Every structure is written in C-alpha cells, then in structure tokens.
Amino acid sequence: MATHNELGIKGEEIAVEFLEKNNYRILERNWRFKKAEVDIIAFKKGVLAVAEVKTRSSNYFGDPQDFVNQKKIQLLVEAINEYVISKNLDVEVRFDIIAITKNQEKFEIKHLKDAFFYF
C-alpha cells in the first residue's frame, strides 16, 4: 500500500478516536453514494456531524483543510442529503473537517466545525 494511503487510513483512525473521546457516536465510516465517499458520519446532541478527514505529513504545501475543494463539498452535500432521506432522519446536519498534520511522530488535530461556511 502506498505511504499516502497508509497515512490517510491512520488519519481516519485518529479522527474516529478523537470524536469518540469527545462524545460523538460514530454511525458510519467511508459511507458511499454515487461518486462521493463520506469519511465519517457521527452523532452528538441532535446533530449529525459529517466529517471530512484530511491528513498530511506536513503543512509545507498548505494546511490539510485547504485541500477540500468545491467539487468535494458538492459531492458530500449530495451524499448526506441521500443519507438523511434514506434513513428518514430529522436532525440538524453539520459539515466538519478534521485536519490532521503529522509532526515527526506526533499528530496535530484540528476539528473545524461548520467548515464549509469558510469556503
């Protein structure tokens, strides 16, 4: 497996642990709809938190969250719309980015809530 794939998998594991530690209940991981893959769908206090996880080995080329583009946002919104309808959910939906940067052997985690409002 390519190193960047391994880093991405490790980043998603770190993100799940982080969310669980912060009292989120993980509902889905790598949920797919058409061309979209939603990294994490979690629930906390009546809010469906949709988390896009971005992991980088450094921030030399920019912060991890800078790599979420408009097309990805559009795909995530469409996918979660289908998820909410198919599960017949009546919840508030929030789109987050969990940005993880590896610094030597440590990982720095930033949880950006309502992240798509910044794009």
N, C-alpha and C. Protein backbone atom coordinates (compact mmCIF):
# COMPACT_ATOMS: atom_id res chain seq x y z
N MET A 1 0.85 -1.18 0.00
CA MET A 1 0.00 0.00 0.00
C MET A 1 0.89 1.24 0.00
N ALA A 2 0.51 2.23 -0.75
CA ALA A 2 1.29 3.47 -0.84
C ALA A 2 1.31 4.18 0.51
N THR A 3 2.41 4.87 0.77
CA THR A 3 2.58 5.56 2.05
C THR A 3 1.47 6.56 2.30
N HIS A 4 1.05 7.31 1.25
CA HIS A 4 -0.01 8.31 1.46
C HIS A 4 -1.34 7.64 1.81
N ASN A 5 -1.59 6.43 1.29
CA ASN A 5 -2.81 5.70 1.65
C ASN A 5 -2.76 5.28 3.11
N GLU A 6 -1.60 4.81 3.55
CA GLU A 6 -1.43 4.40 4.95
C GLU A 6 -1.62 5.59 5.88
N LEU A 7 -1.10 6.74 5.49
CA LEU A 7 -1.26 7.96 6.29
C LEU A 7 -2.73 8.35 6.36
N GLY A 8 -3.44 8.24 5.26
CA GLY A 8 -4.87 8.57 5.24
C GLY A 8 -5.68 7.65 6.13
N ILE A 9 -5.38 6.36 6.10
CA ILE A 9 -6.06 5.40 6.96
C ILE A 9 -5.77 5.70 8.42
N LYS A 10 -4.51 5.97 8.73
CA LYS A 10 -4.13 6.32 10.10
C LYS A 10 -4.85 7.59 10.55
N GLY A 11 -4.94 8.57 9.66
CA GLY A 11 -5.65 9.81 9.97
C GLY A 11 -7.11 9.58 10.30
N GLU A 12 -7.77 8.70 9.55
CA GLU A 12 -9.18 8.41 9.83
C GLU A 12 -9.33 7.70 11.17
N GLU A 13 -8.40 6.81 11.50
CA GLU A 13 -8.44 6.14 12.81
C GLU A 13 -8.28 7.15 13.93
N ILE A 14 -7.35 8.08 13.76
CA ILE A 14 -7.12 9.13 14.77
C ILE A 14 -8.37 10.00 14.90
N ALA A 15 -9.00 10.33 13.78
CA ALA A 15 -10.21 11.16 13.80
C ALA A 15 -11.35 10.46 14.53
N VAL A 16 -11.53 9.17 14.28
CA VAL A 16 -12.58 8.41 14.97
C VAL A 16 -12.32 8.40 16.47
N GLU A 17 -11.09 8.12 16.87
CA GLU A 17 -10.74 8.13 18.30
C GLU A 17 -11.00 9.50 18.93
N PHE A 18 -10.63 10.55 18.20
CA PHE A 18 -10.83 11.91 18.68
C PHE A 18 -12.32 12.20 18.89
N LEU A 19 -13.13 11.84 17.90
CA LEU A 19 -14.57 12.09 18.01
C LEU A 19 -15.19 11.28 19.14
N GLU A 20 -14.83 10.01 19.24
CA GLU A 20 -15.38 9.18 20.32
C GLU A 20 -14.99 9.74 21.69
N LYS A 21 -13.76 10.20 21.81
CA LYS A 21 -13.29 10.79 23.07
C LYS A 21 -14.09 12.06 23.41
N ASN A 22 -14.61 12.70 22.38
CA ASN A 22 -15.40 13.92 22.58
C ASN A 22 -16.90 13.65 22.50
N ASN A 23 -17.28 12.42 22.83
CA ASN A 23 -18.68 12.00 23.00
C ASN A 23 -19.52 11.98 21.72
N TYR A 24 -18.89 11.79 20.58
CA TYR A 24 -19.62 11.56 19.35
C TYR A 24 -19.85 10.06 19.21
N ARG A 25 -21.00 9.70 18.67
CA ARG A 25 -21.28 8.30 18.36
C ARG A 25 -21.05 8.13 16.86
N ILE A 26 -20.16 7.25 16.49
CA ILE A 26 -19.85 7.02 15.08
C ILE A 26 -20.95 6.16 14.47
N LEU A 27 -21.61 6.69 13.43
CA LEU A 27 -22.67 5.95 12.76
C LEU A 27 -22.16 5.22 11.52
N GLU A 28 -21.28 5.87 10.78
CA GLU A 28 -20.76 5.29 9.54
C GLU A 28 -19.32 5.73 9.33
N ARG A 29 -18.57 4.86 8.65
CA ARG A 29 -17.23 5.20 8.19
C ARG A 29 -17.17 4.85 6.71
N ASN A 30 -16.60 5.74 5.92
CA ASN A 30 -16.43 5.52 4.48
C ASN A 30 -17.74 5.16 3.79
N TRP A 31 -18.78 5.90 4.12
CA TRP A 31 -20.11 5.69 3.52
C TRP A 31 -20.11 6.25 2.10
N ARG A 32 -20.62 5.47 1.17
CA ARG A 32 -20.56 5.86 -0.25
C ARG A 32 -21.95 6.09 -0.84
N PHE A 33 -22.00 7.09 -1.70
CA PHE A 33 -23.19 7.36 -2.52
C PHE A 33 -22.70 7.93 -3.84
N LYS A 34 -23.03 7.24 -4.91
CA LYS A 34 -22.55 7.61 -6.25
C LYS A 34 -21.03 7.80 -6.21
N LYS A 35 -20.54 8.99 -6.58
CA LYS A 35 -19.09 9.24 -6.61
C LYS A 35 -18.53 9.76 -5.29
N ALA A 36 -19.39 9.93 -4.31
CA ALA A 36 -18.96 10.50 -3.03
C ALA A 36 -18.62 9.42 -2.02
N GLU A 37 -17.59 9.69 -1.24
CA GLU A 37 -17.29 8.88 -0.07
C GLU A 37 -17.22 9.81 1.13
N VAL A 38 -18.06 9.53 2.11
CA VAL A 38 -18.09 10.33 3.33
C VAL A 38 -17.21 9.61 4.35
N ASP A 39 -16.18 10.29 4.82
CA ASP A 39 -15.22 9.65 5.72
C ASP A 39 -15.88 9.19 7.02
N ILE A 40 -16.56 10.11 7.71
CA ILE A 40 -17.17 9.77 9.00
C ILE A 40 -18.52 10.48 9.11
N ILE A 41 -19.52 9.72 9.54
CA ILE A 41 -20.81 10.29 9.91
C ILE A 41 -20.99 9.98 11.39
N ALA A 42 -21.13 11.02 12.18
CA ALA A 42 -21.22 10.86 13.63
C ALA A 42 -22.42 11.63 14.16
N PHE A 43 -22.78 11.34 15.40
CA PHE A 43 -23.95 11.97 16.01
C PHE A 43 -23.61 12.42 17.42
N LYS A 44 -24.04 13.64 17.74
CA LYS A 44 -23.87 14.16 19.09
C LYS A 44 -24.91 15.24 19.35
N LYS A 45 -25.66 15.06 20.41
CA LYS A 45 -26.64 16.05 20.88
C LYS A 45 -27.55 16.56 19.75
N GLY A 46 -28.16 15.65 19.01
CA GLY A 46 -29.12 16.02 17.98
C GLY A 46 -28.53 16.53 16.68
N VAL A 47 -27.20 16.47 16.56
CA VAL A 47 -26.53 16.97 15.36
C VAL A 47 -25.84 15.81 14.64
N LEU A 48 -26.11 15.70 13.35
CA LEU A 48 -25.41 14.75 12.50
C LEU A 48 -24.17 15.47 11.99
N ALA A 49 -23.02 15.04 12.46
CA ALA A 49 -21.75 15.67 12.09
C ALA A 49 -21.12 14.84 10.97
N VAL A 50 -20.94 15.47 9.84
CA VAL A 50 -20.33 14.84 8.67
C VAL A 50 -18.89 15.33 8.63
N ALA A 51 -17.95 14.40 8.81
CA ALA A 51 -16.55 14.80 8.93
C ALA A 51 -15.74 14.33 7.72
N GLU A 52 -15.13 15.29 7.07
CA GLU A 52 -14.15 15.02 6.03
C GLU A 52 -12.79 15.07 6.70
N VAL A 53 -12.04 13.97 6.61
CA VAL A 53 -10.74 13.88 7.26
C VAL A 53 -9.66 14.13 6.22
N LYS A 54 -8.78 15.08 6.54
CA LYS A 54 -7.64 15.36 5.67
C LYS A 54 -6.38 15.24 6.50
N THR A 55 -5.48 14.37 6.05
CA THR A 55 -4.24 14.10 6.78
C THR A 55 -3.06 14.41 5.87
N ARG A 56 -2.09 15.11 6.40
CA ARG A 56 -0.89 15.44 5.64
C ARG A 56 0.34 15.16 6.50
N SER A 57 1.43 14.83 5.83
CA SER A 57 2.68 14.54 6.55
C SER A 57 3.39 15.81 6.98
N SER A 58 2.98 16.95 6.41
CA SER A 58 3.50 18.26 6.84
C SER A 58 2.54 19.31 6.29
N ASN A 59 2.75 20.55 6.71
CA ASN A 59 1.93 21.64 6.16
C ASN A 59 2.76 22.49 5.19
N TYR A 60 3.80 21.90 4.65
CA TYR A 60 4.68 22.60 3.71
C TYR A 60 3.91 23.18 2.52
N PHE A 61 2.96 22.42 1.99
CA PHE A 61 2.18 22.87 0.83
C PHE A 61 0.84 23.47 1.23
N GLY A 62 0.58 23.62 2.51
CA GLY A 62 -0.67 24.18 2.99
C GLY A 62 -1.26 23.30 4.08
N ASP A 63 -2.22 23.84 4.78
CA ASP A 63 -2.90 23.09 5.83
C ASP A 63 -3.81 22.04 5.20
N PRO A 64 -4.05 20.94 5.92
CA PRO A 64 -4.87 19.86 5.35
C PRO A 64 -6.24 20.33 4.86
N GLN A 65 -6.88 21.21 5.61
CA GLN A 65 -8.21 21.68 5.24
C GLN A 65 -8.23 22.45 3.92
N ASP A 66 -7.08 22.94 3.50
CA ASP A 66 -7.00 23.69 2.24
C ASP A 66 -7.22 22.78 1.03
N PHE A 67 -7.20 21.47 1.23
CA PHE A 67 -7.33 20.53 0.13
C PHE A 67 -8.75 20.01 -0.07
N VAL A 68 -9.71 20.60 0.62
CA VAL A 68 -11.12 20.28 0.38
C VAL A 68 -11.64 21.30 -0.62
N ASN A 69 -11.96 20.82 -1.82
CA ASN A 69 -12.38 21.74 -2.87
C ASN A 69 -13.90 21.78 -3.04
N GLN A 70 -14.36 22.68 -3.87
CA GLN A 70 -15.79 22.89 -4.10
C GLN A 70 -16.47 21.62 -4.61
N LYS A 71 -15.81 20.88 -5.48
CA LYS A 71 -16.39 19.65 -6.02
C LYS A 71 -16.62 18.63 -4.91
N LYS A 72 -15.65 18.49 -4.00
CA LYS A 72 -15.78 17.57 -2.88
C LYS A 72 -16.94 17.99 -1.98
N ILE A 73 -17.05 19.27 -1.73
CA ILE A 73 -18.15 19.78 -0.91
C ILE A 73 -19.49 19.44 -1.55
N GLN A 74 -19.61 19.66 -2.84
CA GLN A 74 -20.84 19.38 -3.58
C GLN A 74 -21.20 17.89 -3.47
N LEU A 75 -20.21 17.01 -3.65
CA LEU A 75 -20.46 15.58 -3.55
C LEU A 75 -20.89 15.18 -2.14
N LEU A 76 -20.27 15.76 -1.12
CA LEU A 76 -20.63 15.44 0.26
C LEU A 76 -22.04 15.88 0.59
N VAL A 77 -22.40 17.07 0.15
CA VAL A 77 -23.75 17.59 0.41
C VAL A 77 -24.80 16.69 -0.24
N GLU A 78 -24.56 16.30 -1.48
CA GLU A 78 -25.49 15.41 -2.19
C GLU A 78 -25.60 14.06 -1.48
N ALA A 79 -24.47 13.52 -1.07
CA ALA A 79 -24.46 12.22 -0.40
C ALA A 79 -25.21 12.26 0.93
N ILE A 80 -24.98 13.30 1.70
CA ILE A 80 -25.63 13.38 3.01
C ILE A 80 -27.11 13.67 2.87
N ASN A 81 -27.49 14.38 1.84
CA ASN A 81 -28.91 14.57 1.57
C ASN A 81 -29.57 13.20 1.37
N GLU A 82 -28.94 12.35 0.58
CA GLU A 82 -29.45 10.99 0.36
C GLU A 82 -29.45 10.18 1.65
N TYR A 83 -28.41 10.31 2.44
CA TYR A 83 -28.31 9.58 3.70
C TYR A 83 -29.46 9.94 4.64
N VAL A 84 -29.69 11.23 4.80
CA VAL A 84 -30.75 11.70 5.70
C VAL A 84 -32.12 11.22 5.21
N ILE A 85 -32.36 11.31 3.91
CA ILE A 85 -33.64 10.87 3.35
C ILE A 85 -33.80 9.35 3.50
N SER A 86 -32.77 8.60 3.14
CA SER A 86 -32.87 7.13 3.17
C SER A 86 -33.04 6.59 4.59
N LYS A 87 -32.49 7.28 5.56
CA LYS A 87 -32.60 6.86 6.96
C LYS A 87 -33.78 7.52 7.67
N ASN A 88 -34.50 8.39 6.94
CA ASN A 88 -35.66 9.10 7.48
C ASN A 88 -35.30 9.83 8.78
N LEU A 89 -34.21 10.60 8.72
CA LEU A 89 -33.72 11.31 9.89
C LEU A 89 -34.28 12.73 9.95
N ASP A 90 -34.53 13.18 11.15
CA ASP A 90 -34.94 14.56 11.39
C ASP A 90 -33.90 15.16 12.34
N VAL A 91 -32.78 15.59 11.75
CA VAL A 91 -31.66 16.08 12.54
C VAL A 91 -31.06 17.32 11.88
N GLU A 92 -30.35 18.07 12.67
CA GLU A 92 -29.53 19.16 12.14
C GLU A 92 -28.27 18.51 11.56
N VAL A 93 -27.83 18.99 10.41
CA VAL A 93 -26.63 18.46 9.77
C VAL A 93 -25.55 19.52 9.78
N ARG A 94 -24.35 19.09 10.14
CA ARG A 94 -23.21 19.99 10.17
C ARG A 94 -22.04 19.32 9.44
N PHE A 95 -21.34 20.10 8.62
CA PHE A 95 -20.20 19.58 7.88
C PHE A 95 -18.91 20.08 8.53
N ASP A 96 -18.09 19.14 8.96
CA ASP A 96 -16.84 19.45 9.64
C ASP A 96 -15.66 18.96 8.82
N ILE A 97 -14.51 19.51 9.10
CA ILE A 97 -13.25 18.97 8.59
C ILE A 97 -12.39 18.65 9.80
N ILE A 98 -11.83 17.46 9.78
CA ILE A 98 -10.85 17.12 10.80
C ILE A 98 -9.51 17.11 10.08
N ALA A 99 -8.71 18.12 10.39
CA ALA A 99 -7.41 18.32 9.75
C ALA A 99 -6.32 17.75 10.65
N ILE A 100 -5.55 16.83 10.10
CA ILE A 100 -4.51 16.16 10.87
C ILE A 100 -3.17 16.36 10.17
N THR A 101 -2.21 16.86 10.92
CA THR A 101 -0.86 17.05 10.39
C THR A 101 0.12 16.26 11.24
N LYS A 102 0.95 15.48 10.57
CA LYS A 102 1.97 14.71 11.27
C LYS A 102 3.20 15.58 11.46
N ASN A 103 3.60 15.74 12.71
CA ASN A 103 4.83 16.46 13.06
C ASN A 103 5.76 15.48 13.73
N GLN A 104 6.74 15.02 12.98
CA GLN A 104 7.65 13.95 13.43
C GLN A 104 6.81 12.72 13.75
N GLU A 105 6.74 12.31 15.00
CA GLU A 105 5.94 11.13 15.35
C GLU A 105 4.61 11.48 16.00
N LYS A 106 4.31 12.76 16.15
CA LYS A 106 3.07 13.21 16.76
C LYS A 106 2.10 13.67 15.69
N PHE A 107 0.82 13.65 16.02
CA PHE A 107 -0.21 14.14 15.11
C PHE A 107 -0.92 15.32 15.75
N GLU A 108 -1.05 16.40 15.01
CA GLU A 108 -1.79 17.58 15.45
C GLU A 108 -3.18 17.50 14.83
N ILE A 109 -4.21 17.65 15.66
CA ILE A 109 -5.59 17.52 15.19
C ILE A 109 -6.30 18.85 15.36
N LYS A 110 -6.98 19.28 14.28
CA LYS A 110 -7.85 20.46 14.34
C LYS A 110 -9.23 20.02 13.89
N HIS A 111 -10.23 20.27 14.73
CA HIS A 111 -11.62 19.95 14.39
C HIS A 111 -12.31 21.26 14.01
N LEU A 112 -12.53 21.42 12.72
CA LEU A 112 -13.16 22.64 12.21
C LEU A 112 -14.65 22.37 12.01
N LYS A 113 -15.46 22.88 12.92
CA LYS A 113 -16.91 22.68 12.86
C LYS A 113 -17.51 23.68 11.88
N ASP A 114 -18.59 23.24 11.20
CA ASP A 114 -19.23 24.09 10.17
C ASP A 114 -18.20 24.60 9.17
N ALA A 115 -17.30 23.75 8.78
CA ALA A 115 -16.14 24.14 7.99
C ALA A 115 -16.49 24.69 6.61
N PHE A 116 -17.58 24.26 6.04
CA PHE A 116 -17.88 24.67 4.68
C PHE A 116 -18.36 26.12 4.58
N PHE A 117 -18.67 26.73 5.71
CA PHE A 117 -19.04 28.14 5.70
C PHE A 117 -17.84 29.02 5.37
N TYR A 118 -16.63 28.46 5.50
CA TYR A 118 -15.42 29.22 5.27
C TYR A 118 -14.95 29.18 3.83
N PHE A 119 -15.65 28.39 2.99
CA PHE A 119 -15.22 28.26 1.59
C PHE A 119 -15.97 29.21 0.70
